[in-house]
Protein backbone atom coordinates (compact mmCIF):
# COMPACT_ATOMS: atom_id res chain seq x y z
CA MET A 1 0.04 0.06 -0.22
CA ALA A 2 1.38 3.45 -1.06
CA GLN A 3 1.91 6.03 1.67
CA TRP A 4 2.26 9.49 1.21
CA SER A 5 4.42 11.86 3.63
CA GLY A 6 1.91 14.03 4.57
CA GLN A 7 -0.71 11.34 5.91
CA PHE A 8 -2.01 11.69 9.31
CA THR A 9 -0.71 15.32 9.81
CA GLY A 10 -3.71 16.74 9.81
CA ASN A 11 -2.96 18.89 6.87
CA THR A 12 -6.28 18.63 4.48
CA HIS A 13 -7.59 20.84 1.68
CA LEU A 14 -9.77 22.48 4.41
CA SER A 15 -6.92 23.32 6.61
CA LYS A 16 -5.13 24.85 3.55
CA VAL A 17 -8.02 27.22 2.82
CA GLN A 18 -8.09 28.20 6.35
CA ASP A 19 -4.27 28.87 6.40
CA ARG A 20 -4.79 30.87 3.13
CA GLU A 21 -7.32 33.15 4.61
CA GLN A 22 -5.23 33.88 7.62
CA GLN A 23 -2.31 34.76 5.17
CA LEU A 24 -4.38 37.01 3.10
CA GLN A 25 -5.90 38.67 5.97
CA HIS A 26 -2.76 39.29 7.45
CA ALA A 27 -1.46 40.55 4.26
CA ILE A 28 -4.34 43.19 3.90
CA GLU A 29 -3.52 44.38 7.41
CA VAL A 30 -0.01 45.11 6.54
CA TYR A 31 -0.88 46.60 3.41
CA ARG A 32 -3.29 49.18 5.33
CA THR A 33 -0.14 50.17 7.61
CA LEU A 34 2.23 50.95 4.89
CA GLU A 35 2.87 54.55 3.78
CA SER A 36 5.77 54.26 0.97
CA LYS A 37 4.30 54.03 -2.41
CA THR A 38 7.12 51.40 -3.24
CA GLU A 39 5.88 49.14 -0.32
CA THR A 40 2.39 49.58 -1.05
CA GLU A 41 2.95 48.73 -4.85
CA ALA A 42 4.89 45.51 -3.69
CA GLN A 43 2.18 44.61 -0.90
CA LYS A 44 -0.37 45.11 -3.65
CA GLN A 45 1.16 42.27 -5.70
CA THR A 46 1.59 40.17 -2.53
CA VAL A 47 -2.16 40.48 -1.59
CA ALA A 48 -3.07 39.79 -5.27
CA ARG A 49 -1.07 36.62 -5.26
CA PHE A 50 -2.28 35.32 -1.78
CA ALA A 51 -5.90 36.04 -3.09
CA LYS A 52 -5.14 33.91 -6.07
CA GLN A 53 -3.70 31.10 -3.96
CA LEU A 54 -6.89 31.21 -1.51
CA LEU A 55 -8.99 30.89 -4.53
CA ASP A 56 -7.03 27.93 -5.98
CA ALA A 57 -7.29 26.30 -2.50
CA ARG A 58 -10.98 26.87 -2.32
CA ILE A 59 -11.42 25.25 -5.55
CA ARG A 60 -9.24 22.30 -4.82
CA ALA A 61 -11.14 21.61 -1.65
CA THR A 62 -14.39 21.72 -3.43
CA LYS A 63 -13.18 19.10 -6.00
CA ALA A 64 -12.02 17.23 -3.23
CA ARG A 65 -15.39 17.18 -1.53
CA ILE A 66 -16.79 16.08 -4.84
CA VAL A 67 -14.56 13.02 -5.28
CA ALA A 68 -15.57 12.12 -1.77
CA LEU A 69 -19.44 12.33 -2.29
CA ASP A 70 -21.50 9.30 -3.15
CA PRO A 71 -21.79 9.24 -6.81
CA ARG A 72 -25.83 8.62 -6.52
CA ASP A 73 -26.18 11.90 -4.73
CA ASP A 74 -26.62 14.21 -7.74
CA ASN A 75 -27.82 16.99 -5.76
CA ASP A 76 -24.75 17.56 -3.38
CA ARG A 77 -22.63 16.88 -6.62
CA ALA A 78 -24.70 19.73 -8.39
CA LEU A 79 -24.24 22.20 -5.56
CA ALA A 80 -20.45 21.59 -5.24
CA GLU A 81 -20.17 22.03 -8.86
CA SER A 82 -22.06 25.23 -8.84
CA LYS A 83 -19.78 26.47 -6.21
CA ILE A 84 -16.93 25.80 -8.34
CA ASP A 85 -18.52 27.82 -11.11
CA LYS A 86 -19.36 30.73 -8.67
CA LEU A 87 -15.48 30.48 -7.77
CA LEU A 88 -14.18 30.69 -11.16
CA ASN A 89 -16.70 33.39 -12.35
CA GLY A 90 -15.90 35.64 -9.31
CA GLY A 91 -12.31 35.14 -9.50
CA VAL A 92 -9.87 37.06 -7.44
CA SER A 93 -11.96 40.18 -7.16
CA SER A 94 -14.75 38.36 -5.21
CA ILE A 95 -12.33 36.91 -2.81
CA LEU A 96 -10.91 40.50 -2.09
CA LYS A 97 -14.43 41.78 -2.05
CA GLU A 98 -15.04 38.95 0.68
CA PHE A 99 -12.23 40.46 2.76
CA ALA A 100 -12.90 44.25 2.31
CA ALA A 101 -10.03 44.69 0.09
CA SER A 102 -11.43 45.15 -3.40
CA ASP A 103 -9.84 48.72 -3.36
CA ILE A 104 -6.37 46.95 -3.19
CA CYS A 105 -6.19 45.35 -6.65
CA THR A 106 -8.58 45.91 -9.58
CA ASP A 107 -7.15 42.92 -11.55
C-alpha cells in the first residue's frame, strides 16, 4: 500500500483554505499600515498573489469534496459544482471583496 509523506498530519484541503485565509487577512492588514508608495505597490502584488492562492485552494477543496461524495447523490454534486463555477466566475476580485479589500487590487 502506498503512503504519502503528509498522511495523518492534519493537513487537509480545508486546513489549507484556512491557512490561506489567515495569510491573506494578514497581508491586507500589513498593506493598510504601509505609507511608502514602493512598499504599497509590492504589497498589492502580494495581496493579489495570496488571493489567487486562496481561490485555488477553495477550488481544490471543493473538487476534493466532489470526489468524496456518494456518486448517487446528484444534488450534493450539483451544489458543489455550482460552487466551483461561482468561484471561477468571481475570481480574485470576489475574494478581495469578501475580505473588504476590493480597493487594493483591480485585476
